[in-house]
């Protein structure tokens, strides 16, 4: 599986960097596929790969308020480290916010008319979802509980679902937003396993899974890993939202 990260803060503004996360090798089935990926890593221009510290060191850093700034450095060093160089990249959707860079190298290449896309977090930006369906014939499932739309079929190949992604199945009660401050409609939040089960997709390969979910990625990703729901995902697109909450 390939991870594409969009980071957002003062250090990390460059979108479309192709990375191989810790789950990369875990998500590959078959020795021949692993060998192809590892062979391609030789093409990476920088052999200095950023690695995450052992988990006990990460806990020590997080428990030491004087070292909390180093977490920011670790985060950006890791996300900006090229671990896989994709040579065939196409921008799908808007050139600015809303579009994503898709890798068309083997074995990640999206097969026209035989592809499945999950898109979490829409807002008013449909360009990526619509283009994946219209140009590549993908079956696209779009999710966003925050835009006050009921579930519906947007087009021949795009389905909208009024729910969000999380690390557990629950009903979320969002805080009222100014200026009206009226009570918000509760959100249905599900794990990736529940969503795939409900849609009958547990045995299907997901070519692209995209998330721009305003910090919910930190809740959803650990569950995706431990449940092995990313094992058959080709490309994972995530916009990470980094914010240290005051204690």
Protein backbone atom coordinates (compact mmCIF):
# COMPACT_ATOMS: atom_id res chain seq x y z
CA UNK A 1 0.00 0.00 0.00
CA UNK A 2 1.18 3.50 -0.78
CA UNK A 3 0.51 6.44 1.52
CA UNK A 4 0.14 9.93 0.10
CA UNK A 5 0.24 12.61 2.77
CA UNK A 6 -0.97 16.19 2.82
CA UNK A 7 0.38 17.87 5.96
CA UNK A 8 -0.81 21.24 7.13
CA UNK A 9 1.29 23.67 9.17
CA UNK A 10 4.30 25.97 8.95
CA UNK A 11 6.80 23.31 7.88
CA UNK A 12 4.74 21.08 5.65
CA UNK A 13 2.94 22.65 2.71
CA UNK A 14 3.97 20.41 -0.17
CA UNK A 15 1.19 18.10 -1.34
CA UNK A 16 1.46 14.83 -3.19
CA UNK A 17 4.60 13.37 -1.63
CA UNK A 18 4.51 9.63 -2.07
CA UNK A 19 5.46 7.74 1.03
CA UNK A 20 5.57 4.21 2.26
CA UNK A 21 4.18 4.07 5.76
CA UNK A 22 4.87 1.40 8.38
CA UNK A 23 1.89 -0.48 7.00
CA UNK A 24 3.38 -0.60 3.51
CA UNK A 25 4.91 -4.06 3.59
CA UNK A 26 2.09 -5.37 5.79
CA UNK A 27 -0.40 -4.54 3.06
CA UNK A 28 1.39 -6.48 0.34
CA UNK A 29 0.31 -10.01 -0.46
CA UNK A 30 2.73 -12.37 -2.18
CA UNK A 31 6.52 -12.51 -2.30
CA UNK A 32 6.74 -11.38 -5.93
CA UNK A 33 4.83 -8.19 -5.16
CA UNK A 34 7.09 -7.36 -2.21
CA UNK A 35 10.18 -7.92 -4.36
CA UNK A 36 8.89 -5.53 -7.02
CA UNK A 37 8.29 -2.80 -4.45
CA UNK A 38 11.64 -3.24 -2.73
CA UNK A 39 13.39 -3.19 -6.10
CA UNK A 40 11.70 0.12 -6.93
CA UNK A 41 12.91 1.65 -3.66
CA UNK A 42 16.40 1.64 -5.16
CA UNK A 43 15.27 4.47 -7.43
CA UNK A 44 14.56 6.79 -4.50
CA UNK A 45 16.93 9.77 -4.89
CA UNK A 46 17.69 10.09 -1.18
CA UNK A 47 18.84 7.00 0.69
CA UNK A 48 18.46 8.78 4.05
CA UNK A 49 15.06 7.51 5.10
CA UNK A 50 13.45 8.95 8.21
CA UNK A 51 12.42 6.19 10.63
CA UNK A 52 10.11 6.48 13.59
CA UNK A 53 11.75 6.00 17.01
CA UNK A 54 10.90 2.87 19.02
CA UNK A 55 7.54 3.13 20.73
CA UNK A 56 9.03 3.43 24.23
CA UNK A 57 11.08 6.45 23.09
CA UNK A 58 7.96 8.06 21.63
CA UNK A 59 6.17 7.65 24.97
CA UNK A 60 9.13 9.21 26.81
CA UNK A 61 9.05 12.20 24.47
CA UNK A 62 5.29 12.66 24.81
CA UNK A 63 5.52 12.49 28.61
CA UNK A 64 8.22 15.14 28.72
CA UNK A 65 6.73 18.59 28.08
CA UNK A 66 10.20 20.03 27.45
CA UNK A 67 10.64 17.69 24.49
CA UNK A 68 7.19 18.06 22.94
CA UNK A 69 8.62 20.25 20.16
CA UNK A 70 10.70 17.27 18.98
CA UNK A 71 7.47 15.42 18.18
CA UNK A 72 6.80 18.06 15.54
CA UNK A 73 10.28 17.46 14.06
CA UNK A 74 9.83 13.68 14.04
CA UNK A 75 6.43 14.05 12.40
CA UNK A 76 7.68 16.22 9.55
CA UNK A 77 10.95 14.36 9.01
CA UNK A 78 9.01 11.14 8.59
CA UNK A 79 6.26 12.51 6.35
CA UNK A 80 8.72 14.34 4.10
CA UNK A 81 10.94 11.29 3.59
CA UNK A 82 10.55 9.71 0.17
CA UNK A 83 10.37 5.95 0.58
CA UNK A 84 8.90 5.14 -2.80
CA UNK A 85 9.33 7.14 -6.00
CA UNK A 86 6.27 7.09 -8.23
CA UNK A 87 7.22 8.02 -11.81
CA UNK A 88 3.74 8.23 -13.32
CA UNK A 89 1.75 10.75 -11.32
CA UNK A 90 -1.49 12.35 -12.45
CA UNK A 91 -3.35 15.16 -10.69
CA UNK A 92 -6.99 14.15 -10.30
CA UNK A 93 -9.46 16.91 -9.46
CA UNK A 94 -8.69 20.56 -8.82
CA UNK A 95 -5.09 21.77 -8.98
CA UNK A 96 -5.58 23.47 -5.63
CA UNK A 97 -7.41 22.16 -2.57
CA UNK A 98 -9.68 19.25 -3.46
CA UNK A 99 -7.40 17.49 -5.95
CA UNK A 100 -5.00 14.64 -5.26
CA UNK A 101 -1.93 13.17 -6.97
CA UNK A 102 -2.56 9.57 -8.02
CA UNK A 103 0.20 7.06 -8.76
CA UNK A 104 -0.16 5.03 -11.95
CA UNK A 105 2.93 2.87 -11.50
CA UNK A 106 2.51 -0.87 -11.09
CA UNK A 107 1.33 -2.43 -8.84
CA UNK A 108 -0.71 0.60 -7.75
CA UNK A 109 -2.11 1.52 -11.16
CA UNK A 110 -5.83 2.19 -11.18
CA UNK A 111 -7.49 -0.06 -13.76
CA UNK A 112 -10.07 1.85 -15.76
CA UNK A 113 -13.65 0.62 -15.24
CA UNK A 114 -12.42 -1.89 -12.63
CA UNK A 115 -11.66 0.30 -9.63
CA UNK A 116 -13.13 1.13 -6.24
CA UNK A 117 -12.58 4.45 -4.45
CA UNK A 118 -13.50 5.49 -0.90
CA UNK A 119 -13.45 9.25 -0.27
CA UNK A 120 -13.84 10.48 3.32
CA UNK A 121 -14.34 14.21 3.81
CA UNK A 122 -16.00 16.17 0.99
CA UNK A 123 -17.15 19.61 2.12
CA UNK A 124 -18.01 21.27 -1.18
CA UNK A 125 -15.09 19.75 -3.10
CA UNK A 126 -16.29 17.00 -5.40
CA UNK A 127 -13.72 17.32 -8.19
CA UNK A 128 -11.63 14.29 -7.20
CA UNK A 129 -14.61 11.99 -6.68
CA UNK A 130 -16.36 13.08 -9.87
CA UNK A 131 -13.24 12.76 -12.04
CA UNK A 132 -12.33 9.30 -10.74
CA UNK A 133 -15.82 8.19 -11.75
CA UNK A 134 -16.18 10.07 -15.05
CA UNK A 135 -12.66 9.62 -16.45
CA UNK A 136 -11.59 6.26 -15.00
CA UNK A 137 -14.97 4.61 -14.55
CA UNK A 138 -14.37 3.92 -10.85
CA UNK A 139 -17.11 3.08 -8.40
CA UNK A 140 -16.80 5.93 -5.89
CA UNK A 141 -18.25 6.07 -2.38
CA UNK A 142 -18.08 9.51 -0.76
CA UNK A 143 -18.58 10.08 2.96
CA UNK A 144 -19.20 13.23 5.00
CA UNK A 145 -21.61 13.69 7.91
CA UNK A 146 -20.87 17.40 8.26
CA UNK A 147 -22.46 18.83 5.08
CA UNK A 148 -26.15 18.30 5.96
CA UNK A 149 -26.95 16.05 3.02
CA UNK A 150 -28.86 12.79 3.19
CA UNK A 151 -27.37 9.70 1.59
CA UNK A 152 -28.01 9.66 -2.16
CA UNK A 153 -26.69 8.58 -5.53
CA UNK A 154 -24.87 11.60 -6.93
CA UNK A 155 -24.24 10.16 -10.40
CA UNK A 156 -24.07 6.85 -12.23
CA UNK A 157 -20.91 5.80 -10.37
CA UNK A 158 -20.78 8.10 -7.31
CA UNK A 159 -22.67 7.34 -4.09
CA UNK A 160 -22.79 9.75 -1.15
CA UNK A 161 -23.11 8.40 2.39
CA UNK A 162 -24.11 10.63 5.29
CA UNK A 163 -21.62 9.18 7.77
CA UNK A 164 -17.99 9.54 8.80
CA UNK A 165 -14.93 7.43 9.57
CA UNK A 166 -13.75 6.78 13.14
CA UNK A 167 -11.96 4.26 15.31
CA UNK A 168 -15.25 2.93 16.68
CA UNK A 169 -18.92 2.79 15.78
CA UNK A 170 -20.70 5.62 17.55
CA UNK A 171 -23.00 8.61 17.31
CA UNK A 172 -21.08 11.88 17.51
CA UNK A 173 -22.71 15.09 18.72
CA UNK A 174 -20.73 17.98 17.15
CA UNK A 175 -20.48 21.30 18.93
CA UNK A 176 -22.86 23.99 17.60
CA UNK A 177 -21.17 26.41 15.24
CA UNK A 178 -21.45 30.20 15.42
CA UNK A 179 -23.14 32.48 14.58
CA UNK A 180 -26.42 30.55 14.91
CA UNK A 181 -25.22 28.13 17.62
CA UNK A 182 -28.19 25.88 16.90
CA UNK A 183 -27.90 22.23 17.93
CA UNK A 184 -26.18 20.20 15.23
CA UNK A 185 -27.59 16.98 13.83
CA UNK A 186 -25.81 13.95 15.34
CA UNK A 187 -23.28 12.26 13.07
CA UNK A 188 -23.10 8.54 12.37
CA UNK A 189 -19.47 7.46 12.71
CA UNK A 190 -18.25 4.00 11.72
CA UNK A 191 -15.04 2.02 11.50
CA UNK A 192 -13.75 1.08 8.07
CA UNK A 193 -14.65 -2.56 8.76
CA UNK A 194 -18.28 -1.63 9.49
CA UNK A 195 -18.50 0.54 6.39
CA UNK A 196 -17.04 -2.15 4.14
CA UNK A 197 -19.32 -4.76 5.68
CA UNK A 198 -22.43 -2.62 5.18
CA UNK A 199 -21.52 -1.99 1.54
CA UNK A 200 -20.61 -5.62 0.86
CA UNK A 201 -16.99 -4.73 0.13
CA UNK A 202 -15.08 -6.86 2.66
CA UNK A 203 -13.68 -9.07 -0.09
CA UNK A 204 -13.11 -6.29 -2.64
CA UNK A 205 -9.83 -4.50 -3.31
CA UNK A 206 -9.99 -0.73 -2.68
CA UNK A 207 -7.80 1.06 -5.21
CA UNK A 208 -7.81 4.43 -3.42
CA UNK A 209 -8.88 5.43 0.06
CA UNK A 210 -8.81 9.20 0.66
CA UNK A 211 -9.23 10.95 4.02
CA UNK A 212 -9.48 14.65 4.80
CA UNK A 213 -11.43 14.39 8.03
CA UNK A 214 -10.17 17.15 10.34
CA UNK A 215 -8.19 15.14 12.93
CA UNK A 216 -10.46 12.07 12.87
CA UNK A 217 -7.63 10.38 10.97
CA UNK A 218 -5.81 9.95 14.30
CA UNK A 219 -8.76 7.90 15.60
CA UNK A 220 -9.46 5.96 12.41
CA UNK A 221 -5.97 4.92 11.31
CA UNK A 222 -4.99 2.83 14.38
CA UNK A 223 -8.21 0.84 14.01
CA UNK A 224 -7.62 0.38 10.28
CA UNK A 225 -4.20 -1.08 11.03
CA UNK A 226 -5.16 -3.40 13.87
CA UNK A 227 -8.24 -4.65 11.97
CA UNK A 228 -6.14 -5.28 8.82
CA UNK A 229 -8.62 -3.25 6.80
CA UNK A 230 -5.74 -1.61 4.89
CA UNK A 231 -4.25 -4.90 3.74
CA UNK A 232 -6.08 -4.73 0.41
CA UNK A 233 -5.96 -0.95 -0.13
CA UNK A 234 -3.77 0.16 -3.02
CA UNK A 235 -3.24 3.86 -2.26
CA UNK A 236 -4.04 5.71 0.95
CA UNK A 237 -4.40 9.50 0.72
CA UNK A 238 -4.45 11.38 4.03
CA UNK A 239 -4.40 15.04 4.97
CA UNK A 240 -2.95 15.02 8.47
CA UNK A 241 -4.05 17.72 10.90
CA UNK A 242 -1.51 18.39 13.60
CA UNK A 243 -2.45 20.37 16.69
CA UNK A 244 -1.17 20.12 20.25
CA UNK A 245 -4.11 20.71 22.57
CA UNK A 246 -3.34 22.81 25.68
CA UNK A 247 -3.30 20.80 28.91
